[in-house]
Amino acid sequence: MEDVKVRIEEIYIPAKRRGKAEAALVDSLAADILENGLQVPISVRQGNQRFVLVAGLHRLEACKALGEEEIDAIVVGSPQR
């Protein structure tokens, strides 16, 4: 596993995860991230010329809401071919 900063625009959210973010939780996390910073990185895997979200949808959406361009992430698994 590798810790990296990933550009948010380079993260693909799989169709089965899209739309499952709870607005109230995203708002709460955004406030916490604004006050304390992102405490737990999201998890992504390397896909075809992009990263694919594995875990951390609400954290990702909260960072988007805050206007962040990058997010801390842990790259897990092996690259897809």
PDB file of N, CA and C in Angstrom:
ATOM      1  N   MET A   1       0.850  -1.181   0.000  1.00  0.00           N
ATOM      2  CA  MET A   1       0.000   0.000   0.000  1.00  0.00           C
ATOM      3  C   MET A   1       0.885   1.230   0.000  1.00  0.00           C
ATOM      4  N   GLU A   2       0.356   2.263  -0.617  1.00  0.00           N
ATOM      5  CA  GLU A   2       1.119   3.485  -0.769  1.00  0.00           C
ATOM      6  C   GLU A   2       0.224   4.675  -0.461  1.00  0.00           C
ATOM      7  N   ASP A   3       0.703   5.612   0.366  1.00  0.00           N
ATOM      8  CA  ASP A   3      -0.026   6.844   0.666  1.00  0.00           C
ATOM      9  C   ASP A   3       0.353   7.894  -0.365  1.00  0.00           C
ATOM     10  N   VAL A   4      -0.646   8.522  -0.983  1.00  0.00           N
ATOM     11  CA  VAL A   4      -0.403   9.535  -2.000  1.00  0.00           C
ATOM     12  C   VAL A   4      -1.443  10.646  -1.901  1.00  0.00           C
ATOM     13  N   LYS A   5      -1.160  11.769  -2.540  1.00  0.00           N
ATOM     14  CA  LYS A   5      -2.153  12.816  -2.760  1.00  0.00           C
ATOM     15  C   LYS A   5      -2.674  12.594  -4.167  1.00  0.00           C
ATOM     16  N   VAL A   6      -3.985  12.538  -4.317  1.00  0.00           N
ATOM     17  CA  VAL A   6      -4.604  12.261  -5.607  1.00  0.00           C
ATOM     18  C   VAL A   6      -5.485  13.443  -5.991  1.00  0.00           C
ATOM     19  N   ARG A   7      -5.401  13.846  -7.248  1.00  0.00           N
ATOM     20  CA  ARG A   7      -6.303  14.887  -7.744  1.00  0.00           C
ATOM     21  C   ARG A   7      -7.718  14.308  -7.766  1.00  0.00           C
ATOM     22  N   ILE A   8      -8.637  15.022  -7.169  1.00  0.00           N
ATOM     23  CA  ILE A   8     -10.011  14.544  -7.054  1.00  0.00           C
ATOM     24  C   ILE A   8     -10.620  14.264  -8.422  1.00  0.00           C
ATOM     25  N   GLU A   9     -10.277  15.066  -9.400  1.00  0.00           N
ATOM     26  CA  GLU A   9     -10.839  14.861 -10.750  1.00  0.00           C
ATOM     27  C   GLU A   9     -10.356  13.564 -11.398  1.00  0.00           C
ATOM     28  N   GLU A  10      -9.307  12.952 -10.858  1.00  0.00           N
ATOM     29  CA  GLU A  10      -8.772  11.706 -11.403  1.00  0.00           C
ATOM     30  C   GLU A  10      -9.354  10.461 -10.722  1.00  0.00           C
ATOM     31  N   ILE A  11     -10.343  10.656  -9.846  1.00  0.00           N
ATOM     32  CA  ILE A  11     -10.934   9.532  -9.127  1.00  0.00           C
ATOM     33  C   ILE A  11     -12.272   9.173  -9.760  1.00  0.00           C
ATOM     34  N   TYR A  12     -12.390   7.922 -10.163  1.00  0.00           N
ATOM     35  CA  TYR A  12     -13.628   7.403 -10.734  1.00  0.00           C
ATOM     36  C   TYR A  12     -14.438   6.741  -9.624  1.00  0.00           C
ATOM     37  N   ILE A  13     -15.727   7.071  -9.566  1.00  0.00           N
ATOM     38  CA  ILE A  13     -16.619   6.448  -8.591  1.00  0.00           C
ATOM     39  C   ILE A  13     -17.447   5.409  -9.340  1.00  0.00           C
ATOM     40  N   PRO A  14     -17.304   4.136  -9.002  1.00  0.00           N
ATOM     41  CA  PRO A  14     -18.075   3.095  -9.685  1.00  0.00           C
ATOM     42  C   PRO A  14     -19.581   3.361  -9.613  1.00  0.00           C
ATOM     43  N   ALA A  15     -20.290   2.958 -10.657  1.00  0.00           N
ATOM     44  CA  ALA A  15     -21.728   3.215 -10.764  1.00  0.00           C
ATOM     45  C   ALA A  15     -22.503   2.726  -9.542  1.00  0.00           C
ATOM     46  N   LYS A  16     -22.121   1.575  -8.988  1.00  0.00           N
ATOM     47  CA  LYS A  16     -22.863   1.040  -7.845  1.00  0.00           C
ATOM     48  C   LYS A  16     -22.706   1.884  -6.586  1.00  0.00           C
ATOM     49  N   ARG A  17     -21.714   2.768  -6.543  1.00  0.00           N
ATOM     50  CA  ARG A  17     -21.503   3.636  -5.376  1.00  0.00           C
ATOM     51  C   ARG A  17     -22.111   5.024  -5.573  1.00  0.00           C
ATOM     52  N   ARG A  18     -22.257   5.454  -6.829  1.00  0.00           N
ATOM     53  CA  ARG A  18     -22.769   6.797  -7.104  1.00  0.00           C
ATOM     54  C   ARG A  18     -24.165   6.964  -6.536  1.00  0.00           C
ATOM     55  N   GLY A  19     -24.430   8.124  -6.014  1.00  0.00           N
ATOM     56  CA  GLY A  19     -25.759   8.413  -5.492  1.00  0.00           C
ATOM     57  C   GLY A  19     -26.056   7.843  -4.122  1.00  0.00           C
ATOM     58  N   LYS A  20     -25.089   7.172  -3.508  1.00  0.00           N
ATOM     59  CA  LYS A  20     -25.322   6.575  -2.189  1.00  0.00           C
ATOM     60  C   LYS A  20     -24.821   7.461  -1.046  1.00  0.00           C
ATOM     61  N   ALA A  21     -24.300   8.625  -1.381  1.00  0.00           N
ATOM     62  CA  ALA A  21     -23.799   9.522  -0.345  1.00  0.00           C
ATOM     63  C   ALA A  21     -24.978  10.208   0.354  1.00  0.00           C
ATOM     64  N   GLU A  22     -24.966  10.175   1.670  1.00  0.00           N
ATOM     65  CA  GLU A  22     -26.001  10.823   2.471  1.00  0.00           C
ATOM     66  C   GLU A  22     -25.590  12.267   2.711  1.00  0.00           C
ATOM     67  N   ALA A  23     -26.433  13.201   2.265  1.00  0.00           N
ATOM     68  CA  ALA A  23     -26.114  14.629   2.318  1.00  0.00           C
ATOM     69  C   ALA A  23     -25.767  15.108   3.732  1.00  0.00           C
ATOM     70  N   ALA A  24     -26.526  14.669   4.723  1.00  0.00           N
ATOM     71  CA  ALA A  24     -26.280  15.114   6.102  1.00  0.00           C
ATOM     72  C   ALA A  24     -24.906  14.657   6.586  1.00  0.00           C
ATOM     73  N   LEU A  25     -24.524  13.438   6.238  1.00  0.00           N
ATOM     74  CA  LEU A  25     -23.211  12.927   6.630  1.00  0.00           C
ATOM     75  C   LEU A  25     -22.094  13.671   5.902  1.00  0.00           C
ATOM     76  N   VAL A  26     -22.300  13.952   4.629  1.00  0.00           N
ATOM     77  CA  VAL A  26     -21.304  14.708   3.858  1.00  0.00           C
ATOM     78  C   VAL A  26     -21.112  16.094   4.476  1.00  0.00           C
ATOM     79  N   ASP A  27     -22.215  16.761   4.824  1.00  0.00           N
ATOM     80  CA  ASP A  27     -22.124  18.090   5.439  1.00  0.00           C
ATOM     81  C   ASP A  27     -21.394  18.042   6.774  1.00  0.00           C
ATOM     82  N   SER A  28     -21.701  17.032   7.583  1.00  0.00           N
ATOM     83  CA  SER A  28     -21.055  16.876   8.884  1.00  0.00           C
ATOM     84  C   SER A  28     -19.553  16.617   8.723  1.00  0.00           C
ATOM     85  N   LEU A  29     -19.212  15.740   7.790  1.00  0.00           N
ATOM     86  CA  LEU A  29     -17.796  15.452   7.542  1.00  0.00           C
ATOM     87  C   LEU A  29     -17.065  16.673   7.007  1.00  0.00           C
ATOM     88  N   ALA A  30     -17.724  17.426   6.135  1.00  0.00           N
ATOM     89  CA  ALA A  30     -17.095  18.632   5.575  1.00  0.00           C
ATOM     90  C   ALA A  30     -16.749  19.614   6.694  1.00  0.00           C
ATOM     91  N   ALA A  31     -17.670  19.797   7.636  1.00  0.00           N
ATOM     92  CA  ALA A  31     -17.409  20.694   8.764  1.00  0.00           C
ATOM     93  C   ALA A  31     -16.242  20.179   9.600  1.00  0.00           C
ATOM     94  N   ASP A  32     -16.197  18.874   9.833  1.00  0.00           N
ATOM     95  CA  ASP A  32     -15.117  18.287  10.613  1.00  0.00           C
ATOM     96  C   ASP A  32     -13.776  18.400   9.882  1.00  0.00           C
ATOM     97  N   ILE A  33     -13.783  18.151   8.589  1.00  0.00           N
ATOM     98  CA  ILE A  33     -12.542  18.253   7.803  1.00  0.00           C
ATOM     99  C   ILE A  33     -12.049  19.690   7.781  1.00  0.00           C
ATOM    100  N   LEU A  34     -12.975  20.636   7.683  1.00  0.00           N
ATOM    101  CA  LEU A  34     -12.603  22.048   7.692  1.00  0.00           C
ATOM    102  C   LEU A  34     -11.927  22.420   9.006  1.00  0.00           C
ATOM    103  N   GLU A  35     -12.443  21.861  10.105  1.00  0.00           N
ATOM    104  CA  GLU A  35     -11.905  22.179  11.426  1.00  0.00           C
ATOM    105  C   GLU A  35     -10.633  21.389  11.755  1.00  0.00           C
ATOM    106  N   ASN A  36     -10.609  20.092  11.410  1.00  0.00           N
ATOM    107  CA  ASN A  36      -9.533  19.212  11.862  1.00  0.00           C
ATOM    108  C   ASN A  36      -8.675  18.614  10.757  1.00  0.00           C
ATOM    109  N   GLY A  37      -9.040  18.835   9.517  1.00  0.00           N
ATOM    110  CA  GLY A  37      -8.330  18.197   8.414  1.00  0.00           C
ATOM    111  C   GLY A  37      -8.842  16.786   8.207  1.00  0.00           C
ATOM    112  N   LEU A  38      -8.479  16.193   7.096  1.00  0.00           N
ATOM    113  CA  LEU A  38      -8.883  14.821   6.799  1.00  0.00           C
ATOM    114  C   LEU A  38      -8.051  13.883   7.664  1.00  0.00           C
ATOM    115  N   GLN A  39      -8.712  13.154   8.553  1.00  0.00           N
ATOM    116  CA  GLN A  39      -8.022  12.283   9.501  1.00  0.00           C
ATOM    117  C   GLN A  39      -7.725  10.900   8.938  1.00  0.00           C
ATOM    118  N   VAL A  40      -8.612  10.398   8.071  1.00  0.00           N
ATOM    119  CA  VAL A  40      -8.463   9.055   7.510  1.00  0.00           C
ATOM    120  C   VAL A  40      -8.492   9.167   5.995  1.00  0.00           C
ATOM    121  N   PRO A  41      -7.421   8.758   5.316  1.00  0.00           N
ATOM    122  CA  PRO A  41      -7.404   8.851   3.850  1.00  0.00           C
ATOM    123  C   PRO A  41      -8.436   7.918   3.218  1.00  0.00           C
ATOM    124  N   ILE A  42      -8.864   8.260   2.009  1.00  0.00           N
ATOM    125  CA  ILE A  42      -9.727   7.358   1.263  1.00  0.00           C
ATOM    126  C   ILE A  42      -8.865   6.230   0.694  1.00  0.00           C
ATOM    127  N   SER A  43      -9.516   5.176   0.218  1.00  0.00           N
ATOM    128  CA  SER A  43      -8.794   4.069  -0.424  1.00  0.00           C
ATOM    129  C   SER A  43      -9.162   4.045  -1.898  1.00  0.00           C
ATOM    130  N   VAL A  44      -8.147   3.907  -2.738  1.00  0.00           N
ATOM    131  CA  VAL A  44      -8.344   3.822  -4.173  1.00  0.00           C
ATOM    132  C   VAL A  44      -7.480   2.701  -4.721  1.00  0.00           C
ATOM    133  N   ARG A  45      -7.831   2.250  -5.919  1.00  0.00           N
ATOM    134  CA  ARG A  45      -6.952   1.324  -6.620  1.00  0.00           C
ATOM    135  C   ARG A  45      -6.627   1.954  -7.967  1.00  0.00           C
ATOM    136  N   GLN A  46      -5.511   1.552  -8.526  1.00  0.00           N
ATOM    137  CA  GLN A  46      -5.110   2.069  -9.825  1.00  0.00           C
ATOM    138  C   GLN A  46      -5.958   1.404 -10.899  1.00  0.00           C
ATOM    139  N   GLY A  47      -6.583   2.196 -11.750  1.00  0.00           N
ATOM    140  CA  GLY A  47      -7.372   1.682 -12.866  1.00  0.00           C
ATOM    141  C   GLY A  47      -6.690   2.064 -14.165  1.00  0.00           C
ATOM    142  N   ASN A  48      -7.432   2.066 -15.228  1.00  0.00           N
ATOM    143  CA  ASN A  48      -6.900   2.465 -16.532  1.00  0.00           C
ATOM    144  C   ASN A  48      -6.735   3.974 -16.575  1.00  0.00           C
ATOM    145  N   GLN A  49      -5.544   4.454 -16.328  1.00  0.00           N
ATOM    146  CA  GLN A  49      -5.169   5.869 -16.371  1.00  0.00           C
ATOM    147  C   GLN A  49      -5.975   6.732 -15.405  1.00  0.00           C
ATOM    148  N   ARG A  50      -6.480   6.130 -14.334  1.00  0.00           N
ATOM    149  CA  ARG A  50      -7.185   6.866 -13.294  1.00  0.00           C
ATOM    150  C   ARG A  50      -7.215   6.021 -12.029  1.00  0.00           C
ATOM    151  N   PHE A  51      -7.691   6.622 -10.968  1.00  0.00           N
ATOM    152  CA  PHE A  51      -7.871   5.894  -9.719  1.00  0.00           C
ATOM    153  C   PHE A  51      -9.343   5.543  -9.573  1.00  0.00           C
ATOM    154  N   VAL A  52      -9.630   4.401  -8.980  1.00  0.00           N
ATOM    155  CA  VAL A  52     -11.000   3.949  -8.746  1.00  0.00           C
ATOM    156  C   VAL A  52     -11.232   3.929  -7.241  1.00  0.00           C
ATOM    157  N   LEU A  53     -12.304   4.566  -6.807  1.00  0.00           N
ATOM    158  CA  LEU A  53     -12.623   4.622  -5.385  1.00  0.00           C
ATOM    159  C   LEU A  53     -12.954   3.242  -4.848  1.00  0.00           C
ATOM    160  N   VAL A  54     -12.303   2.870  -3.748  1.00  0.00           N
ATOM    161  CA  VAL A  54     -12.572   1.607  -3.069  1.00  0.00           C
ATOM    162  C   VAL A  54     -13.374   1.879  -1.794  1.00  0.00           C
ATOM    163  N   ALA A  55     -12.954   2.866  -1.018  1.00  0.00           N
ATOM    164  CA  ALA A  55     -13.633   3.226   0.230  1.00  0.00           C
ATOM    165  C   ALA A  55     -13.433   4.709   0.510  1.00  0.00           C
ATOM    166  N   GLY A  56     -14.475   5.342   1.052  1.00  0.00           N
ATOM    167  CA  GLY A  56     -14.352   6.742   1.442  1.00  0.00           C
ATOM    168  C   GLY A  56     -15.232   7.694   0.646  1.00  0.00           C
ATOM    169  N   LEU A  57     -16.368   7.203   0.158  1.00  0.00           N
ATOM    170  CA  LEU A  57     -17.250   8.035  -0.662  1.00  0.00           C
ATOM    171  C   LEU A  57     -17.652   9.324   0.053  1.00  0.00           C
ATOM    172  N   HIS A  58     -18.056   9.219   1.318  1.00  0.00           N
ATOM    173  CA  HIS A  58     -18.504  10.413   2.041  1.00  0.00           C
ATOM    174  C   HIS A  58     -17.350  11.394   2.264  1.00  0.00           C
ATOM    175  N   ARG A  59     -16.156  10.879   2.554  1.00  0.00           N
ATOM    176  CA  ARG A  59     -14.994  11.758   2.726  1.00  0.00           C
ATOM    177  C   ARG A  59     -14.645  12.452   1.411  1.00  0.00           C
ATOM    178  N   LEU A  60     -14.722  11.699   0.308  1.00  0.00           N
ATOM    179  CA  LEU A  60     -14.453  12.281  -1.009  1.00  0.00           C
ATOM    180  C   LEU A  60     -15.466  13.374  -1.331  1.00  0.00           C
ATOM    181  N   GLU A  61     -16.742  13.097  -1.116  1.00  0.00           N
ATOM    182  CA  GLU A  61     -17.788  14.090  -1.399  1.00  0.00           C
ATOM    183  C   GLU A  61     -17.652  15.320  -0.496  1.00  0.00           C
ATOM    184  N   ALA A  62     -17.243  15.113   0.757  1.00  0.00           N
ATOM    185  CA  ALA A  62     -17.044  16.240   1.673  1.00  0.00           C
ATOM    186  C   ALA A  62     -15.902  17.132   1.188  1.00  0.00           C
ATOM    187  N   CYS A  63     -14.820  16.525   0.729  1.00  0.00           N
ATOM    188  CA  CYS A  63     -13.699  17.308   0.209  1.00  0.00           C
ATOM    189  C   CYS A  63     -14.088  18.049  -1.063  1.00  0.00           C
ATOM    190  N   LYS A  64     -14.885  17.407  -1.910  1.00  0.00           N
ATOM    191  CA  LYS A  64     -15.400  18.089  -3.111  1.00  0.00           C
ATOM    192  C   LYS A  64     -16.227  19.310  -2.707  1.00  0.00           C
ATOM    193  N   ALA A  65     -17.098  19.137  -1.711  1.00  0.00           N
ATOM    194  CA  ALA A  65     -17.956  20.226  -1.248  1.00  0.00           C
ATOM    195  C   ALA A  65     -17.141  21.401  -0.716  1.00  0.00           C
ATOM    196  N   LEU A  66     -15.974  21.094  -0.165  1.00  0.00           N
ATOM    197  CA  LEU A  66     -15.093  22.144   0.362  1.00  0.00           C
ATOM    198  C   LEU A  66     -14.247  22.797  -0.728  1.00  0.00           C
ATOM    199  N   GLY A  67     -14.346  22.277  -1.956  1.00  0.00           N
ATOM    200  CA  GLY A  67     -13.586  22.858  -3.059  1.00  0.00           C
ATOM    201  C   GLY A  67     -12.147  22.375  -3.144  1.00  0.00           C
ATOM    202  N   GLU A  68     -11.855  21.286  -2.443  1.00  0.00           N
ATOM    203  CA  GLU A  68     -10.497  20.736  -2.488  1.00  0.00           C
ATOM    204  C   GLU A  68     -10.201  20.181  -3.885  1.00  0.00           C
ATOM    205  N   GLU A  69      -8.952  20.268  -4.298  1.00  0.00           N
ATOM    206  CA  GLU A  69      -8.541  19.722  -5.591  1.00  0.00           C
ATOM    207  C   GLU A  69      -7.817  18.391  -5.433  1.00  0.00           C
ATOM    208  N   GLU A  70      -7.242  18.148  -4.243  1.00  0.00           N
ATOM    209  CA  GLU A  70      -6.527  16.904  -3.970  1.00  0.00           C
ATOM    210  C   GLU A  70      -7.031  16.313  -2.661  1.00  0.00           C
ATOM    211  N   ILE A  71      -6.827  15.002  -2.524  1.00  0.00           N
ATOM    212  CA  ILE A  71      -7.238  14.307  -1.303  1.00  0.00           C
ATOM    213  C   ILE A  71      -6.174  13.260  -0.981  1.00  0.00           C
ATOM    214  N   ASP A  72      -5.962  13.032   0.309  1.00  0.00           N
ATOM    215  CA  ASP A  72      -5.047  11.961   0.733  1.00  0.00           C
ATOM    216  C   ASP A  72      -5.707  10.627   0.463  1.00  0.00           C
ATOM    217  N   ALA A  73      -4.923   9.706  -0.096  1.00  0.00           N
ATOM    218  CA  ALA A  73      -5.461   8.393  -0.433  1.00  0.00           C
ATOM    219  C   ALA A  73      -4.421   7.317  -0.184  1.00  0.00           C
ATOM    220  N   ILE A  74      -4.922   6.118   0.050  1.00  0.00           N
ATOM    221  CA  ILE A  74      -4.075   4.931   0.129  1.00  0.00           C
ATOM    222  C   ILE A  74      -4.379   4.111  -1.114  1.00  0.00           C
ATOM    223  N   VAL A  75      -3.334   3.805  -1.879  1.00  0.00           N
ATOM    224  CA  VAL A  75      -3.495   2.978  -3.069  1.00  0.00           C
ATOM    225  C   VAL A  75      -3.389   1.518  -2.629  1.00  0.00           C
ATOM    226  N   VAL A  76      -4.459   0.768  -2.878  1.00  0.00           N
ATOM    227  CA  VAL A  76      -4.513  -0.638  -2.470  1.00  0.00           C
ATOM    228  C   VAL A  76      -4.591  -1.530  -3.685  1.00  0.00           C
ATOM    229  N   GLY A  77      -4.262  -2.794  -3.493  1.00  0.00           N
ATOM    230  CA  GLY A  77      -4.396  -3.762  -4.575  1.00  0.00           C
ATOM    231  C   GLY A  77      -3.349  -3.569  -5.662  1.00  0.00           C
ATOM    232  N   SER A  78      -3.461  -4.411  -6.673  1.00  0.00           N
ATOM    233  CA  SER A  78      -2.525  -4.338  -7.793  1.00  0.00           C
ATOM    234  C   SER A  78      -3.181  -3.620  -8.959  1.00  0.00           C
ATOM    235  N   PRO A  79      -2.397  -3.033  -9.846  1.00  0.00           N
ATOM    236  CA  PRO A  79      -2.951  -2.313 -10.989  1.00  0.00           C
ATOM    237  C   PRO A  79      -3.784  -3.225 -11.879  1.00  0.00           C
ATOM    238  N   GLN A  80      -4.871  -2.650 -12.438  1.00  0.00           N
ATOM    239  CA  GLN A  80      -5.702  -3.368 -13.390  1.00  0.00           C
ATOM    240  C   GLN A  80      -5.059  -3.311 -14.765  1.00  0.00           C
ATOM    241  N   ARG A  81      -5.219  -4.358 -15.537  1.00  0.00           N
ATOM    242  CA  ARG A  81      -4.631  -4.363 -16.881  1.00  0.00           C
ATOM    243  C   ARG A  81      -5.690  -4.488 -17.931  1.00  0.00           C
TER     244      ARG A  81
END
